[in-house]
């Protein structure tokens, strides 16, 4: 009996230690303005200004973009499940969002629709976007791998 209690105590101790080490997801909420001076953008980019308002709605993170006067919205649920994030006439954008430590990671792939044609494409790597909040909470960094760009936003 004593051995059982010691074993249970050790297991609970390890579990609580693991839970204590889990980094909580940062709060990306707020209004963010692109700093082109701090960013590393593609040479052919045409973006002159961008503001993002990030909000949490239930379990989802909603990004409201205003890029050079054009508005758009993207919504992600960071639970690791694949979801259709954009349904277009030419196909679907399927994304999977999850937290890796304190970084939001979004992996996206495109499923193309071509009438009367079956297309099997394999071996393509997803586009990966990462969102990281600086320790002081004043800078939000968005990195993308295709093309390789780093967008740095300042909190407003």
C-alpha atoms as a PDB file:
ATOM      1  CA  UNK A   1       0.000   0.000   0.000  1.00  0.00           C
ATOM      2  CA  UNK A   2       2.791   2.388   0.885  1.00  0.00           C
ATOM      3  CA  UNK A   3       4.516   1.622  -2.434  1.00  0.00           C
ATOM      4  CA  UNK A   4       1.299   2.479  -4.296  1.00  0.00           C
ATOM      5  CA  UNK A   5       0.990   5.838  -2.521  1.00  0.00           C
ATOM      6  CA  UNK A   6       4.622   6.686  -3.309  1.00  0.00           C
ATOM      7  CA  UNK A   7       4.098   5.781  -6.973  1.00  0.00           C
ATOM      8  CA  UNK A   8       0.917   7.869  -7.214  1.00  0.00           C
ATOM      9  CA  UNK A   9       2.670  10.813  -5.529  1.00  0.00           C
ATOM     10  CA  UNK A  10       5.575  10.619  -7.977  1.00  0.00           C
ATOM     11  CA  UNK A  11       3.266  10.422 -11.003  1.00  0.00           C
ATOM     12  CA  UNK A  12       1.216  13.391  -9.793  1.00  0.00           C
ATOM     13  CA  UNK A  13       4.384  15.371  -9.090  1.00  0.00           C
ATOM     14  CA  UNK A  14       5.681  14.783 -12.617  1.00  0.00           C
ATOM     15  CA  UNK A  15       2.292  15.701 -14.122  1.00  0.00           C
ATOM     16  CA  UNK A  16       2.049  18.951 -12.161  1.00  0.00           C
ATOM     17  CA  UNK A  17       5.615  19.865 -13.069  1.00  0.00           C
ATOM     18  CA  UNK A  18       4.874  19.277 -16.772  1.00  0.00           C
ATOM     19  CA  UNK A  19       1.723  21.394 -16.559  1.00  0.00           C
ATOM     20  CA  UNK A  20       3.597  24.169 -14.768  1.00  0.00           C
ATOM     21  CA  UNK A  21       6.185  24.280 -17.576  1.00  0.00           C
ATOM     22  CA  UNK A  22       3.575  24.648 -20.322  1.00  0.00           C
ATOM     23  CA  UNK A  23       3.785  28.145 -21.740  1.00  0.00           C
ATOM     24  CA  UNK A  24       0.382  29.797 -21.970  1.00  0.00           C
ATOM     25  CA  UNK A  25      -0.608  31.108 -25.391  1.00  0.00           C
ATOM     26  CA  UNK A  26       0.126  34.837 -25.647  1.00  0.00           C
ATOM     27  CA  UNK A  27      -2.678  37.332 -26.186  1.00  0.00           C
ATOM     28  CA  UNK A  28      -2.188  38.712 -29.694  1.00  0.00           C
ATOM     29  CA  UNK A  29      -5.255  40.962 -29.359  1.00  0.00           C
ATOM     30  CA  UNK A  30      -4.971  44.575 -30.355  1.00  0.00           C
ATOM     31  CA  UNK A  31      -4.324  46.857 -33.283  1.00  0.00           C
ATOM     32  CA  UNK A  32      -1.005  46.373 -35.045  1.00  0.00           C
ATOM     33  CA  UNK A  33       0.638  48.592 -37.697  1.00  0.00           C
ATOM     34  CA  UNK A  34       3.215  47.242 -40.140  1.00  0.00           C
ATOM     35  CA  UNK A  35       6.692  48.705 -39.757  1.00  0.00           C
ATOM     36  CA  UNK A  36       8.215  48.391 -43.230  1.00  0.00           C
ATOM     37  CA  UNK A  37      11.540  49.655 -41.841  1.00  0.00           C
ATOM     38  CA  UNK A  38      11.771  46.689 -39.425  1.00  0.00           C
ATOM     39  CA  UNK A  39      10.339  44.130 -41.870  1.00  0.00           C
ATOM     40  CA  UNK A  40      12.068  41.995 -44.502  1.00  0.00           C
ATOM     41  CA  UNK A  41       9.662  41.977 -47.443  1.00  0.00           C
ATOM     42  CA  UNK A  42       9.953  40.450 -50.901  1.00  0.00           C
ATOM     43  CA  UNK A  43      11.594  42.760 -53.441  1.00  0.00           C
ATOM     44  CA  UNK A  44       8.472  42.817 -55.593  1.00  0.00           C
ATOM     45  CA  UNK A  45       6.054  43.618 -52.760  1.00  0.00           C
ATOM     46  CA  UNK A  46       3.620  46.436 -53.384  1.00  0.00           C
ATOM     47  CA  UNK A  47       2.350  46.765 -49.810  1.00  0.00           C
ATOM     48  CA  UNK A  48       2.777  50.312 -48.563  1.00  0.00           C
ATOM     49  CA  UNK A  49       0.757  50.128 -45.348  1.00  0.00           C
ATOM     50  CA  UNK A  50      -1.038  47.474 -43.357  1.00  0.00           C
ATOM     51  CA  UNK A  51      -2.959  47.465 -40.108  1.00  0.00           C
ATOM     52  CA  UNK A  52      -4.199  44.310 -38.423  1.00  0.00           C
ATOM     53  CA  UNK A  53      -6.773  44.127 -35.665  1.00  0.00           C
ATOM     54  CA  UNK A  54      -6.493  40.799 -33.847  1.00  0.00           C
ATOM     55  CA  UNK A  55      -9.428  39.630 -31.755  1.00  0.00           C
ATOM     56  CA  UNK A  56     -10.392  36.442 -29.951  1.00  0.00           C
ATOM     57  CA  UNK A  57     -13.911  35.106 -30.493  1.00  0.00           C
ATOM     58  CA  UNK A  58     -14.585  32.033 -28.398  1.00  0.00           C
ATOM     59  CA  UNK A  59     -11.773  29.625 -29.312  1.00  0.00           C
ATOM     60  CA  UNK A  60     -10.886  31.381 -32.588  1.00  0.00           C
ATOM     61  CA  UNK A  61      -8.342  34.067 -33.414  1.00  0.00           C
ATOM     62  CA  UNK A  62      -9.639  36.584 -35.952  1.00  0.00           C
ATOM     63  CA  UNK A  63      -7.303  38.757 -38.038  1.00  0.00           C
ATOM     64  CA  UNK A  64      -8.931  41.849 -39.603  1.00  0.00           C
ATOM     65  CA  UNK A  65      -6.552  43.247 -42.223  1.00  0.00           C
ATOM     66  CA  UNK A  66      -6.519  46.669 -43.852  1.00  0.00           C
ATOM     67  CA  UNK A  67      -3.810  46.499 -46.504  1.00  0.00           C
ATOM     68  CA  UNK A  68      -3.399  49.618 -48.645  1.00  0.00           C
ATOM     69  CA  UNK A  69      -7.112  50.350 -48.077  1.00  0.00           C
ATOM     70  CA  UNK A  70      -8.277  46.824 -48.940  1.00  0.00           C
ATOM     71  CA  UNK A  71     -10.010  44.980 -46.082  1.00  0.00           C
ATOM     72  CA  UNK A  72     -10.017  41.225 -45.451  1.00  0.00           C
ATOM     73  CA  UNK A  73     -10.561  38.835 -42.564  1.00  0.00           C
ATOM     74  CA  UNK A  74      -9.009  35.485 -41.662  1.00  0.00           C
ATOM     75  CA  UNK A  75     -10.149  33.245 -38.803  1.00  0.00           C
ATOM     76  CA  UNK A  76      -8.188  30.384 -37.249  1.00  0.00           C
ATOM     77  CA  UNK A  77      -8.896  27.955 -34.425  1.00  0.00           C
ATOM     78  CA  UNK A  78      -5.532  26.911 -32.932  1.00  0.00           C
ATOM     79  CA  UNK A  79      -6.453  23.324 -32.097  1.00  0.00           C
ATOM     80  CA  UNK A  80      -4.415  21.488 -34.747  1.00  0.00           C
ATOM     81  CA  UNK A  81      -7.479  20.550 -36.824  1.00  0.00           C
ATOM     82  CA  UNK A  82      -7.572  21.153 -40.590  1.00  0.00           C
ATOM     83  CA  UNK A  83     -10.288  23.571 -41.710  1.00  0.00           C
ATOM     84  CA  UNK A  84     -11.282  25.294 -44.923  1.00  0.00           C
ATOM     85  CA  UNK A  85     -10.240  28.908 -44.387  1.00  0.00           C
ATOM     86  CA  UNK A  86     -11.104  30.194 -47.866  1.00  0.00           C
ATOM     87  CA  UNK A  87     -13.496  28.679 -50.358  1.00  0.00           C
ATOM     88  CA  UNK A  88     -12.788  30.063 -53.815  1.00  0.00           C
ATOM     89  CA  UNK A  89     -14.068  29.270 -57.285  1.00  0.00           C
ATOM     90  CA  UNK A  90     -10.662  27.799 -58.166  1.00  0.00           C
ATOM     91  CA  UNK A  91     -10.304  25.718 -55.001  1.00  0.00           C
ATOM     92  CA  UNK A  92     -10.063  25.683 -51.244  1.00  0.00           C
ATOM     93  CA  UNK A  93      -7.426  26.949 -48.866  1.00  0.00           C
ATOM     94  CA  UNK A  94      -7.120  24.462 -46.022  1.00  0.00           C
ATOM     95  CA  UNK A  95      -5.309  25.554 -42.876  1.00  0.00           C
ATOM     96  CA  UNK A  96      -4.271  23.985 -39.602  1.00  0.00           C
ATOM     97  CA  UNK A  97      -3.408  26.306 -36.707  1.00  0.00           C
ATOM     98  CA  UNK A  98      -1.741  25.348 -33.440  1.00  0.00           C
ATOM     99  CA  UNK A  99       0.423  26.777 -30.689  1.00  0.00           C
ATOM    100  CA  UNK A 100       4.044  25.643 -30.502  1.00  0.00           C
ATOM    101  CA  UNK A 101       5.255  27.000 -27.209  1.00  0.00           C
ATOM    102  CA  UNK A 102       4.245  30.670 -27.476  1.00  0.00           C
ATOM    103  CA  UNK A 103       4.218  30.853 -31.297  1.00  0.00           C
ATOM    104  CA  UNK A 104       1.051  30.559 -33.391  1.00  0.00           C
ATOM    105  CA  UNK A 105       1.827  28.280 -36.356  1.00  0.00           C
ATOM    106  CA  UNK A 106      -0.513  28.131 -39.353  1.00  0.00           C
ATOM    107  CA  UNK A 107       0.101  25.531 -42.068  1.00  0.00           C
ATOM    108  CA  UNK A 108      -1.909  26.024 -45.271  1.00  0.00           C
ATOM    109  CA  UNK A 109      -2.360  24.054 -48.470  1.00  0.00           C
ATOM    110  CA  UNK A 110      -4.415  24.762 -51.576  1.00  0.00           C
ATOM    111  CA  UNK A 111      -6.768  22.217 -53.127  1.00  0.00           C
ATOM    112  CA  UNK A 112      -7.401  23.181 -56.740  1.00  0.00           C
ATOM    113  CA  UNK A 113     -10.652  22.597 -58.596  1.00  0.00           C
ATOM    114  CA  UNK A 114     -10.364  22.054 -62.316  1.00  0.00           C
ATOM    115  CA  UNK A 115     -13.625  21.114 -64.061  1.00  0.00           C
ATOM    116  CA  UNK A 116     -13.634  17.625 -65.610  1.00  0.00           C
ATOM    117  CA  UNK A 117     -10.047  16.948 -64.542  1.00  0.00           C
ATOM    118  CA  UNK A 118      -8.666  14.928 -61.676  1.00  0.00           C
ATOM    119  CA  UNK A 119      -5.438  16.398 -60.321  1.00  0.00           C
ATOM    120  CA  UNK A 120      -3.352  14.504 -57.780  1.00  0.00           C
ATOM    121  CA  UNK A 121      -0.498  16.599 -56.493  1.00  0.00           C
ATOM    122  CA  UNK A 122       1.741  15.116 -53.850  1.00  0.00           C
ATOM    123  CA  UNK A 123       4.918  16.141 -52.134  1.00  0.00           C
ATOM    124  CA  UNK A 124       4.046  19.806 -51.855  1.00  0.00           C
ATOM    125  CA  UNK A 125       4.980  21.395 -48.574  1.00  0.00           C
ATOM    126  CA  UNK A 126       2.405  23.622 -46.895  1.00  0.00           C
ATOM    127  CA  UNK A 127       2.877  27.349 -46.618  1.00  0.00           C
ATOM    128  CA  UNK A 128       3.836  27.961 -42.996  1.00  0.00           C
ATOM    129  CA  UNK A 129       3.066  31.222 -41.219  1.00  0.00           C
ATOM    130  CA  UNK A 130       4.264  31.918 -37.689  1.00  0.00           C
ATOM    131  CA  UNK A 131       3.083  34.680 -35.374  1.00  0.00           C
ATOM    132  CA  UNK A 132       5.200  35.572 -32.340  1.00  0.00           C
ATOM    133  CA  UNK A 133       4.662  38.254 -29.724  1.00  0.00           C
ATOM    134  CA  UNK A 134       7.731  39.952 -28.248  1.00  0.00           C
ATOM    135  CA  UNK A 135       8.280  39.568 -24.506  1.00  0.00           C
ATOM    136  CA  UNK A 136       7.292  43.209 -23.910  1.00  0.00           C
ATOM    137  CA  UNK A 137       4.014  42.727 -25.839  1.00  0.00           C
ATOM    138  CA  UNK A 138       4.729  45.722 -28.109  1.00  0.00           C
ATOM    139  CA  UNK A 139       5.901  43.912 -31.276  1.00  0.00           C
ATOM    140  CA  UNK A 140       4.199  41.179 -33.287  1.00  0.00           C
ATOM    141  CA  UNK A 141       6.315  39.302 -35.847  1.00  0.00           C
ATOM    142  CA  UNK A 142       4.758  37.340 -38.717  1.00  0.00           C
ATOM    143  CA  UNK A 143       7.074  35.089 -40.724  1.00  0.00           C
ATOM    144  CA  UNK A 144       6.081  33.217 -43.861  1.00  0.00           C
ATOM    145  CA  UNK A 145       8.070  30.613 -45.788  1.00  0.00           C
ATOM    146  CA  UNK A 146       6.650  31.074 -49.300  1.00  0.00           C
ATOM    147  CA  UNK A 147       7.914  33.581 -50.152  1.00  0.00           C
ATOM    148  CA  UNK A 148      10.309  34.022 -47.227  1.00  0.00           C
ATOM    149  CA  UNK A 149       9.228  37.294 -45.596  1.00  0.00           C
ATOM    150  CA  UNK A 150       9.232  38.781 -42.120  1.00  0.00           C
ATOM    151  CA  UNK A 151       6.517  41.290 -41.248  1.00  0.00           C
ATOM    152  CA  UNK A 152       7.072  43.283 -38.057  1.00  0.00           C
ATOM    153  CA  UNK A 153       4.098  45.087 -36.504  1.00  0.00           C
ATOM    154  CA  UNK A 154       4.061  47.677 -33.727  1.00  0.00           C
ATOM    155  CA  UNK A 155       1.198  47.792 -31.227  1.00  0.00           C
ATOM    156  CA  UNK A 156      -0.974  50.877 -31.589  1.00  0.00           C
END
